[in-house]
Amino acid sequence: MTFNCDNNLINPNWAKHGYIQVYTGNGKGKTTASLGLAMRALGRCWKVLIIMFTKGGDDYGELNSFRNLSPEISQNLTIIQAGLDRIVYQNNKTEADVTEIKKGWELAKKAIQNDEYNLIILDEANIAIDMGFIDLQEMIDVLQNKPDEMEIVLTGRNAKQEIIDIAHLVSEIKPVKHYWDTGIAARKGIEY
């Protein structure tokens, strides 16, 4: 069976309304949940934009998977990496980090304002806000003025209360137990 977006139209009787979702908390699975949502939306022929703040480089399993999607599905997907090839913390952030993240944020704002996508995932946006790369009030203004039918997801730890207050769905991922605590390092295919 071949995939054809013409035959997979969204139910025309479904009341279209886009919401703001936040996946936050100290547990594992925030990005993973948002990327699962992206796959679901792509399977329904939605146009999807994923901007990965604070994440650059090429060594992510999800990027490998997305690169190998069928042409019919991949034509509806745009991924932008707005980060350097390392994890950014308060103690190692540089002007180069600021530049990359701000470029990604400008692209996100333009895509939202131009109503170019059905789903926009701002991966690690909460971290970018928390670290001062993205202005909190500017994010709030953009989210409050998004097109009505657009779904926007913000992931990352330390979601600001002001973002939580305007979101329609907030999931807090809490760690109960993690093998990292026993010294096991991040594993390809699981953590990245």
C-alpha atoms as a PDB file:
ATOM      1  CA  MET A   1       0.000   0.000   0.000  1.00  0.00           C
ATOM      2  CA  THR A   2       1.421   3.369  -0.954  1.00  0.00           C
ATOM      3  CA  PHE A   3       0.931   6.499   1.070  1.00  0.00           C
ATOM      4  CA  ASN A   4      -1.011   9.270  -0.624  1.00  0.00           C
ATOM      5  CA  CYS A   5      -1.991  12.447   1.137  1.00  0.00           C
ATOM      6  CA  ASP A   6      -4.911  12.974  -1.234  1.00  0.00           C
ATOM      7  CA  ASN A   7      -6.559   9.864   0.209  1.00  0.00           C
ATOM      8  CA  ASN A   8      -5.798  10.667   3.845  1.00  0.00           C
ATOM      9  CA  LEU A   9      -7.598  13.966   4.313  1.00  0.00           C
ATOM     10  CA  ILE A  10      -8.412  15.116   7.799  1.00  0.00           C
ATOM     11  CA  ASN A  11     -12.080  14.613   8.653  1.00  0.00           C
ATOM     12  CA  PRO A  12     -13.746  17.754   7.248  1.00  0.00           C
ATOM     13  CA  ASN A  13     -16.324  17.693  10.056  1.00  0.00           C
ATOM     14  CA  TRP A  14     -13.648  17.836  12.730  1.00  0.00           C
ATOM     15  CA  ALA A  15     -13.614  21.229  14.380  1.00  0.00           C
ATOM     16  CA  LYS A  16     -10.161  22.516  13.502  1.00  0.00           C
ATOM     17  CA  HIS A  17      -8.479  24.368  16.312  1.00  0.00           C
ATOM     18  CA  GLY A  18      -4.829  24.374  17.194  1.00  0.00           C
ATOM     19  CA  TYR A  19      -3.623  24.339  20.754  1.00  0.00           C
ATOM     20  CA  ILE A  20      -0.447  25.107  22.642  1.00  0.00           C
ATOM     21  CA  GLN A  21       1.173  22.059  24.220  1.00  0.00           C
ATOM     22  CA  VAL A  22       4.053  21.990  26.699  1.00  0.00           C
ATOM     23  CA  TYR A  23       6.138  18.935  27.585  1.00  0.00           C
ATOM     24  CA  THR A  24       8.358  19.782  30.542  1.00  0.00           C
ATOM     25  CA  GLY A  25       9.894  18.268  33.668  1.00  0.00           C
ATOM     26  CA  ASN A  26      13.128  16.577  34.616  1.00  0.00           C
ATOM     27  CA  GLY A  27      12.249  13.148  33.234  1.00  0.00           C
ATOM     28  CA  LYS A  28      13.222  11.556  29.933  1.00  0.00           C
ATOM     29  CA  GLY A  29      10.800  11.645  27.024  1.00  0.00           C
ATOM     30  CA  LYS A  30       9.841  15.242  26.221  1.00  0.00           C
ATOM     31  CA  THR A  31      11.444  15.412  22.797  1.00  0.00           C
ATOM     32  CA  THR A  32      10.498  11.789  22.144  1.00  0.00           C
ATOM     33  CA  ALA A  33       6.821  12.574  22.799  1.00  0.00           C
ATOM     34  CA  SER A  34       6.871  15.605  20.518  1.00  0.00           C
ATOM     35  CA  LEU A  35       8.530  13.664  17.698  1.00  0.00           C
ATOM     36  CA  GLY A  36       5.915  10.929  18.036  1.00  0.00           C
ATOM     37  CA  LEU A  37       3.288  13.634  17.637  1.00  0.00           C
ATOM     38  CA  ALA A  38       5.136  14.869  14.524  1.00  0.00           C
ATOM     39  CA  MET A  39       5.000  11.373  13.013  1.00  0.00           C
ATOM     40  CA  ARG A  40       1.279  11.131  13.773  1.00  0.00           C
ATOM     41  CA  ALA A  41       0.635  14.524  12.148  1.00  0.00           C
ATOM     42  CA  LEU A  42       2.744  13.646   9.094  1.00  0.00           C
ATOM     43  CA  GLY A  43       0.691  10.472   8.748  1.00  0.00           C
ATOM     44  CA  ARG A  44      -2.345  12.745   8.394  1.00  0.00           C
ATOM     45  CA  CYS A  45      -0.660  14.930   5.766  1.00  0.00           C
ATOM     46  CA  TRP A  46      -0.044  17.848   8.089  1.00  0.00           C
ATOM     47  CA  LYS A  47       2.786  20.240   7.304  1.00  0.00           C
ATOM     48  CA  VAL A  48       5.224  19.992  10.218  1.00  0.00           C
ATOM     49  CA  LEU A  49       8.114  22.219  11.281  1.00  0.00           C
ATOM     50  CA  ILE A  50      10.536  21.073  13.969  1.00  0.00           C
ATOM     51  CA  ILE A  51      13.054  23.566  15.303  1.00  0.00           C
ATOM     52  CA  MET A  52      15.625  21.999  17.589  1.00  0.00           C
ATOM     53  CA  PHE A  53      16.961  24.719  19.873  1.00  0.00           C
ATOM     54  CA  THR A  54      20.301  23.988  21.562  1.00  0.00           C
ATOM     55  CA  LYS A  55      20.719  20.888  19.384  1.00  0.00           C
ATOM     56  CA  GLY A  56      23.102  20.822  16.461  1.00  0.00           C
ATOM     57  CA  GLY A  57      25.169  18.115  14.885  1.00  0.00           C
ATOM     58  CA  ASP A  58      24.175  15.044  12.987  1.00  0.00           C
ATOM     59  CA  ASP A  59      24.289  12.227  15.533  1.00  0.00           C
ATOM     60  CA  TYR A  60      20.592  11.915  16.382  1.00  0.00           C
ATOM     61  CA  GLY A  61      18.660   8.767  15.531  1.00  0.00           C
ATOM     62  CA  GLU A  62      15.488  10.756  14.922  1.00  0.00           C
ATOM     63  CA  LEU A  63      17.221  12.810  12.219  1.00  0.00           C
ATOM     64  CA  ASN A  64      18.341   9.598  10.517  1.00  0.00           C
ATOM     65  CA  SER A  65      14.764   8.318  10.588  1.00  0.00           C
ATOM     66  CA  PHE A  66      13.259  11.538   9.291  1.00  0.00           C
ATOM     67  CA  ARG A  67      15.787  11.631   6.422  1.00  0.00           C
ATOM     68  CA  ASN A  68      14.534   8.228   5.292  1.00  0.00           C
ATOM     69  CA  LEU A  69      10.813   8.945   5.209  1.00  0.00           C
ATOM     70  CA  SER A  70       9.003   8.403   1.941  1.00  0.00           C
ATOM     71  CA  PRO A  71       9.043  11.370  -0.439  1.00  0.00           C
ATOM     72  CA  GLU A  72       5.275  11.770   0.015  1.00  0.00           C
ATOM     73  CA  ILE A  73       5.697  12.230   3.763  1.00  0.00           C
ATOM     74  CA  SER A  74       9.024  14.062   3.846  1.00  0.00           C
ATOM     75  CA  GLN A  75       7.725  16.824   1.570  1.00  0.00           C
ATOM     76  CA  ASN A  76       5.586  17.959   4.515  1.00  0.00           C
ATOM     77  CA  LEU A  77       8.449  18.041   7.030  1.00  0.00           C
ATOM     78  CA  THR A  78      11.000  20.760   7.731  1.00  0.00           C
ATOM     79  CA  ILE A  79      13.652  20.367  10.448  1.00  0.00           C
ATOM     80  CA  ILE A  80      15.868  23.235  11.526  1.00  0.00           C
ATOM     81  CA  GLN A  81      18.692  22.764  13.995  1.00  0.00           C
ATOM     82  CA  ALA A  82      19.280  25.971  15.937  1.00  0.00           C
ATOM     83  CA  GLY A  83      22.195  24.922  18.066  1.00  0.00           C
ATOM     84  CA  LEU A  84      25.821  23.928  18.024  1.00  0.00           C
ATOM     85  CA  ASP A  85      27.118  20.363  18.150  1.00  0.00           C
ATOM     86  CA  ARG A  86      27.018  20.061  21.937  1.00  0.00           C
ATOM     87  CA  ILE A  87      24.712  20.358  24.922  1.00  0.00           C
ATOM     88  CA  VAL A  88      24.392  23.926  26.177  1.00  0.00           C
ATOM     89  CA  TYR A  89      24.406  24.691  29.887  1.00  0.00           C
ATOM     90  CA  GLN A  90      24.534  27.993  31.765  1.00  0.00           C
ATOM     91  CA  ASN A  91      28.271  27.575  32.351  1.00  0.00           C
ATOM     92  CA  ASN A  92      29.266  26.879  28.722  1.00  0.00           C
ATOM     93  CA  LYS A  93      26.965  29.097  26.658  1.00  0.00           C
ATOM     94  CA  THR A  94      28.682  31.337  24.136  1.00  0.00           C
ATOM     95  CA  GLU A  95      27.789  34.107  21.696  1.00  0.00           C
ATOM     96  CA  ALA A  96      27.748  31.452  18.962  1.00  0.00           C
ATOM     97  CA  ASP A  97      24.949  29.704  20.885  1.00  0.00           C
ATOM     98  CA  VAL A  98      23.039  32.970  21.120  1.00  0.00           C
ATOM     99  CA  THR A  99      23.428  33.547  17.371  1.00  0.00           C
ATOM    100  CA  GLU A 100      22.253  30.052  16.377  1.00  0.00           C
ATOM    101  CA  ILE A 101      19.260  30.031  18.700  1.00  0.00           C
ATOM    102  CA  LYS A 102      18.176  33.529  17.711  1.00  0.00           C
ATOM    103  CA  LYS A 103      18.341  32.530  14.012  1.00  0.00           C
ATOM    104  CA  GLY A 104      16.094  29.561  14.789  1.00  0.00           C
ATOM    105  CA  TRP A 105      13.706  31.743  16.766  1.00  0.00           C
ATOM    106  CA  GLU A 106      13.441  34.239  13.891  1.00  0.00           C
ATOM    107  CA  LEU A 107      12.569  31.373  11.526  1.00  0.00           C
ATOM    108  CA  ALA A 108       9.985  30.066  13.992  1.00  0.00           C
ATOM    109  CA  LYS A 109       8.341  33.480  14.361  1.00  0.00           C
ATOM    110  CA  LYS A 110       8.178  33.911  10.593  1.00  0.00           C
ATOM    111  CA  ALA A 111       6.655  30.449  10.093  1.00  0.00           C
ATOM    112  CA  ILE A 112       4.049  31.112  12.790  1.00  0.00           C
ATOM    113  CA  GLN A 113       3.158  34.574  11.516  1.00  0.00           C
ATOM    114  CA  ASN A 114       2.945  33.358   7.902  1.00  0.00           C
ATOM    115  CA  ASP A 115       0.766  30.364   8.882  1.00  0.00           C
ATOM    116  CA  GLU A 116       3.063  28.014   6.947  1.00  0.00           C
ATOM    117  CA  TYR A 117       2.553  24.824   9.002  1.00  0.00           C
ATOM    118  CA  ASN A 118      -0.157  22.867  10.802  1.00  0.00           C
ATOM    119  CA  LEU A 119       2.194  21.769  13.597  1.00  0.00           C
ATOM    120  CA  ILE A 120       5.281  23.540  14.881  1.00  0.00           C
ATOM    121  CA  ILE A 121       7.484  21.857  17.460  1.00  0.00           C
ATOM    122  CA  LEU A 122       9.852  24.169  19.335  1.00  0.00           C
ATOM    123  CA  ASP A 123      12.114  21.522  20.816  1.00  0.00           C
ATOM    124  CA  GLU A 124      13.995  22.713  23.928  1.00  0.00           C
ATOM    125  CA  ALA A 125      12.338  26.141  23.667  1.00  0.00           C
ATOM    126  CA  ASN A 126      11.753  26.076  27.430  1.00  0.00           C
ATOM    127  CA  ILE A 127      15.507  25.699  27.947  1.00  0.00           C
ATOM    128  CA  ALA A 128      16.213  28.503  25.467  1.00  0.00           C
ATOM    129  CA  ILE A 129      13.817  30.774  27.377  1.00  0.00           C
ATOM    130  CA  ASP A 130      15.193  29.726  30.764  1.00  0.00           C
ATOM    131  CA  MET A 131      18.745  30.482  29.654  1.00  0.00           C
ATOM    132  CA  GLY A 132      17.793  33.881  28.231  1.00  0.00           C
ATOM    133  CA  PHE A 133      18.282  33.008  24.551  1.00  0.00           C
ATOM    134  CA  ILE A 134      14.607  33.681  23.762  1.00  0.00           C
ATOM    135  CA  ASP A 135      12.711  36.487  25.468  1.00  0.00           C
ATOM    136  CA  LEU A 136       9.829  35.129  27.550  1.00  0.00           C
ATOM    137  CA  GLN A 137       7.439  37.975  26.768  1.00  0.00           C
ATOM    138  CA  GLU A 138       8.187  37.742  23.058  1.00  0.00           C
ATOM    139  CA  MET A 139       7.403  34.000  23.135  1.00  0.00           C
ATOM    140  CA  ILE A 140       4.137  34.692  24.950  1.00  0.00           C
ATOM    141  CA  ASP A 141       3.165  37.356  22.406  1.00  0.00           C
ATOM    142  CA  VAL A 142       3.923  35.036  19.482  1.00  0.00           C
ATOM    143  CA  LEU A 143       1.979  32.156  21.037  1.00  0.00           C
ATOM    144  CA  GLN A 144      -1.021  34.326  21.888  1.00  0.00           C
ATOM    145  CA  ASN A 145      -1.166  35.589  18.301  1.00  0.00           C
ATOM    146  CA  LYS A 146      -0.642  32.271  16.517  1.00  0.00           C
ATOM    147  CA  PRO A 147      -3.073  31.267  13.764  1.00  0.00           C
ATOM    148  CA  ASP A 148      -6.170  29.623  15.254  1.00  0.00           C
ATOM    149  CA  GLU A 149      -5.687  26.270  13.507  1.00  0.00           C
ATOM    150  CA  MET A 150      -1.951  25.923  14.208  1.00  0.00           C
ATOM    151  CA  GLU A 151      -0.745  23.496  16.881  1.00  0.00           C
ATOM    152  CA  ILE A 152       2.453  24.539  18.672  1.00  0.00           C
ATOM    153  CA  VAL A 153       4.492  22.360  21.026  1.00  0.00           C
ATOM    154  CA  LEU A 154       7.237  23.581  23.358  1.00  0.00           C
ATOM    155  CA  THR A 155       9.523  21.031  24.977  1.00  0.00           C
ATOM    156  CA  GLY A 156      12.253  21.250  27.570  1.00  0.00           C
ATOM    157  CA  ARG A 157      12.824  21.508  31.279  1.00  0.00           C
ATOM    158  CA  ASN A 158      12.046  24.558  33.365  1.00  0.00           C
ATOM    159  CA  ALA A 159       8.937  25.738  31.548  1.00  0.00           C
ATOM    160  CA  LYS A 160       8.088  29.188  32.834  1.00  0.00           C
ATOM    161  CA  GLN A 161       4.808  29.546  34.708  1.00  0.00           C
ATOM    162  CA  GLU A 162       3.676  32.186  32.209  1.00  0.00           C
ATOM    163  CA  ILE A 163       4.019  29.630  29.400  1.00  0.00           C
ATOM    164  CA  ILE A 164       2.199  27.002  31.437  1.00  0.00           C
ATOM    165  CA  ASP A 165      -0.597  29.500  32.110  1.00  0.00           C
ATOM    166  CA  ILE A 166      -1.324  30.128  28.418  1.00  0.00           C
ATOM    167  CA  ALA A 167      -0.861  26.511  27.277  1.00  0.00           C
ATOM    168  CA  HIS A 168      -3.846  24.269  26.679  1.00  0.00           C
ATOM    169  CA  LEU A 169      -2.026  21.027  27.470  1.00  0.00           C
ATOM    170  CA  VAL A 170       0.901  20.652  29.859  1.00  0.00           C
ATOM    171  CA  SER A 171       2.596  17.339  30.533  1.00  0.00           C
ATOM    172  CA  GLU A 172       5.209  17.183  33.255  1.00  0.00           C
ATOM    173  CA  ILE A 173       7.587  14.293  32.775  1.00  0.00           C
ATOM    174  CA  LYS A 174       8.844  13.255  36.210  1.00  0.00           C
ATOM    175  CA  PRO A 175      11.735  10.908  36.787  1.00  0.00           C
ATOM    176  CA  VAL A 176      10.884   8.009  39.058  1.00  0.00           C
ATOM    177  CA  LYS A 177      13.950   5.936  38.275  1.00  0.00           C
ATOM    178  CA  HIS A 178      16.651   6.282  35.633  1.00  0.00           C
ATOM    179  CA  TYR A 179      19.604   4.029  34.781  1.00  0.00           C
ATOM    180  CA  TRP A 180      21.780   7.149  34.413  1.00  0.00           C
ATOM    181  CA  ASP A 181      21.769   7.299  38.217  1.00  0.00           C
ATOM    182  CA  THR A 182      23.768   4.046  38.211  1.00  0.00           C
ATOM    183  CA  GLY A 183      26.377   5.487  35.846  1.00  0.00           C
ATOM    184  CA  ILE A 184      25.022   4.192  32.545  1.00  0.00           C
ATOM    185  CA  ALA A 185      25.811   6.690  29.760  1.00  0.00           C
ATOM    186  CA  ALA A 186      23.461   7.926  27.048  1.00  0.00           C
ATOM    187  CA  ARG A 187      22.830   5.205  24.466  1.00  0.00           C
ATOM    188  CA  LYS A 188      22.427   5.507  20.712  1.00  0.00           C
ATOM    189  CA  GLY A 189      18.887   4.646  19.677  1.00  0.00           C
ATOM    190  CA  ILE A 190      17.478   5.392  23.132  1.00  0.00           C
ATOM    191  CA  GLU A 191      18.714   8.822  24.258  1.00  0.00           C
ATOM    192  CA  TYR A 192      19.867  10.059  20.860  1.00  0.00           C
END
